[in-house]
C-alpha atoms as a PDB file:
ATOM      1  CA  MET A   1     -73.862-188.872 123.807  1.00  0.00           C
ATOM      2  CA  ALA A   2     -75.457-185.077 123.205  1.00  0.00           C
ATOM      3  CA  GLN A   3     -79.206-185.766 124.533  1.00  0.00           C
ATOM      4  CA  LYS A   4     -82.673-184.867 123.061  1.00  0.00           C
ATOM      5  CA  PRO A   5     -84.934-181.426 123.128  1.00  0.00           C
ATOM      6  CA  LEU A   6     -87.138-181.764 125.841  1.00  0.00           C
ATOM      7  CA  SER A   7     -91.239-181.597 125.436  1.00  0.00           C
ATOM      8  CA  LEU A   8     -92.310-179.439 127.724  1.00  0.00           C
ATOM      9  CA  TYR A   9     -96.551-179.374 128.111  1.00  0.00           C
ATOM     10  CA  LEU A  10     -97.633-176.006 130.473  1.00  0.00           C
ATOM     11  CA  HIS A  11    -101.021-177.480 131.966  1.00  0.00           C
ATOM     12  CA  ILE A  12    -102.198-173.724 132.667  1.00  0.00           C
ATOM     13  CA  PRO A  13    -105.465-174.580 134.484  1.00  0.00           C
ATOM     14  CA  PHE A  14    -107.280-171.311 134.274  1.00  0.00           C
ATOM     15  CA  CYS A  15    -111.193-170.403 131.987  1.00  0.00           C
ATOM     16  CA  SER A  16    -113.805-168.530 132.013  1.00  0.00           C
ATOM     17  CA  THR A  17    -116.340-171.422 131.501  1.00  0.00           C
ATOM     18  CA  LYS A  18    -116.573-174.967 132.373  1.00  0.00           C
ATOM     19  CA  CYS A  19    -116.969-176.693 129.558  1.00  0.00           C
ATOM     20  CA  THR A  20    -119.054-179.143 129.861  1.00  0.00           C
ATOM     21  CA  TYR A  21    -116.887-181.576 128.081  1.00  0.00           C
ATOM     22  CA  CYS A  22    -113.789-181.320 129.259  1.00  0.00           C
ATOM     23  CA  ALA A  23    -112.728-183.338 131.809  1.00  0.00           C
ATOM     24  CA  PHE A  24    -109.154-181.613 132.297  1.00  0.00           C
ATOM     25  CA  ASN A  25    -107.995-179.914 136.093  1.00  0.00           C
ATOM     26  CA  THR A  26    -109.726-176.527 135.250  1.00  0.00           C
ATOM     27  CA  TYR A  27    -111.137-172.897 137.936  1.00  0.00           C
ATOM     28  CA  ILE A  28    -113.470-171.328 137.102  1.00  0.00           C
ATOM     29  CA  ARG A  29    -113.347-167.670 138.758  1.00  0.00           C
ATOM     30  CA  LEU A  30    -109.749-167.678 140.494  1.00  0.00           C
ATOM     31  CA  GLU A  31    -108.453-165.825 137.714  1.00  0.00           C
ATOM     32  CA  THR A  32    -106.757-163.596 140.212  1.00  0.00           C
ATOM     33  CA  LEU A  33    -104.432-166.433 141.068  1.00  0.00           C
ATOM     34  CA  ILE A  34    -103.302-167.135 137.782  1.00  0.00           C
ATOM     35  CA  GLU A  35     -99.783-164.095 139.147  1.00  0.00           C
ATOM     36  CA  PRO A  36     -98.759-165.997 142.207  1.00  0.00           C
ATOM     37  CA  PHE A  37     -99.323-169.382 139.227  1.00  0.00           C
ATOM     38  CA  ILE A  38     -97.081-168.434 136.786  1.00  0.00           C
ATOM     39  CA  HIS A  39     -94.202-166.365 139.580  1.00  0.00           C
ATOM     40  CA  ALA A  40     -94.769-170.496 140.968  1.00  0.00           C
ATOM     41  CA  LEU A  41     -94.651-171.820 137.239  1.00  0.00           C
ATOM     42  CA  VAL A  42     -91.528-170.215 137.025  1.00  0.00           C
ATOM     43  CA  ARG A  43     -89.906-170.889 140.125  1.00  0.00           C
ATOM     44  CA  GLU A  44     -90.911-174.102 139.368  1.00  0.00           C
ATOM     45  CA  ILE A  45     -88.336-174.103 136.034  1.00  0.00           C
ATOM     46  CA  GLU A  46     -85.430-172.185 138.290  1.00  0.00           C
ATOM     47  CA  ILE A  47     -85.866-175.282 140.099  1.00  0.00           C
ATOM     48  CA  VAL A  48     -85.385-178.189 137.604  1.00  0.00           C
ATOM     49  CA  GLY A  49     -83.447-176.092 135.466  1.00  0.00           C
ATOM     50  CA  GLN A  50     -80.460-175.810 137.001  1.00  0.00           C
ATOM     51  CA  SER A  51     -81.480-180.292 137.801  1.00  0.00           C
ATOM     52  CA  LYS A  52     -80.047-180.174 133.568  1.00  0.00           C
ATOM     53  CA  PRO A  53     -78.400-176.331 132.773  1.00  0.00           C
ATOM     54  CA  ARG A  54     -76.653-178.089 129.830  1.00  0.00           C
ATOM     55  CA  GLN A  55     -80.540-179.252 128.695  1.00  0.00           C
ATOM     56  CA  ALA A  56     -82.257-178.288 125.383  1.00  0.00           C
ATOM     57  CA  VAL A  57     -85.865-177.730 125.008  1.00  0.00           C
ATOM     58  CA  GLY A  58     -87.859-178.154 121.341  1.00  0.00           C
ATOM     59  CA  THR A  59     -91.440-177.721 122.185  1.00  0.00           C
ATOM     60  CA  ILE A  60     -92.970-176.065 124.558  1.00  0.00           C
ATOM     61  CA  PHE A  61     -97.517-176.579 124.079  1.00  0.00           C
ATOM     62  CA  PHE A  62     -99.308-173.721 126.505  1.00  0.00           C
ATOM     63  CA  GLY A  63    -102.898-176.204 126.719  1.00  0.00           C
ATOM     64  CA  GLY A  64    -105.672-175.943 129.425  1.00  0.00           C
ATOM     65  CA  GLY A  65    -107.842-174.509 130.222  1.00  0.00           C
ATOM     66  CA  THR A  66    -107.059-171.552 128.815  1.00  0.00           C
ATOM     67  CA  PRO A  67    -104.110-170.522 128.268  1.00  0.00           C
ATOM     68  CA  SER A  68    -105.223-167.651 126.300  1.00  0.00           C
ATOM     69  CA  LEU A  69    -106.230-165.780 129.721  1.00  0.00           C
ATOM     70  CA  LEU A  70    -102.929-165.191 129.942  1.00  0.00           C
ATOM     71  CA  THR A  71    -101.033-161.109 128.947  1.00  0.00           C
ATOM     72  CA  PRO A  72     -97.807-161.523 126.316  1.00  0.00           C
ATOM     73  CA  GLU A  73     -95.839-159.789 129.492  1.00  0.00           C
ATOM     74  CA  GLN A  74     -96.807-163.502 131.615  1.00  0.00           C
ATOM     75  CA  PHE A  75     -95.851-165.343 128.574  1.00  0.00           C
ATOM     76  CA  ALA A  76     -92.907-163.714 128.993  1.00  0.00           C
ATOM     77  CA  LEU A  77     -92.457-164.190 132.416  1.00  0.00           C
ATOM     78  CA  VAL A  78     -92.283-167.696 131.366  1.00  0.00           C
ATOM     79  CA  LEU A  79     -90.914-168.284 128.124  1.00  0.00           C
END
């Protein structure tokens, strides 16, 4: 039986400013951690992917935080 495609939510916890109404796990003034975070996220995706090598992914949602703080190259690396 074929597995249903996964829907992934990738939380990018970095922001330029902290909104007063925000209850999400976010961090400001830590832009220097974005690059190491992306590399750790990619490594985690690789590890999880090895446990289900044929698992399809139908949807990827980037949330946060402010995912638009990522560069196009960082998005490409994750995808």
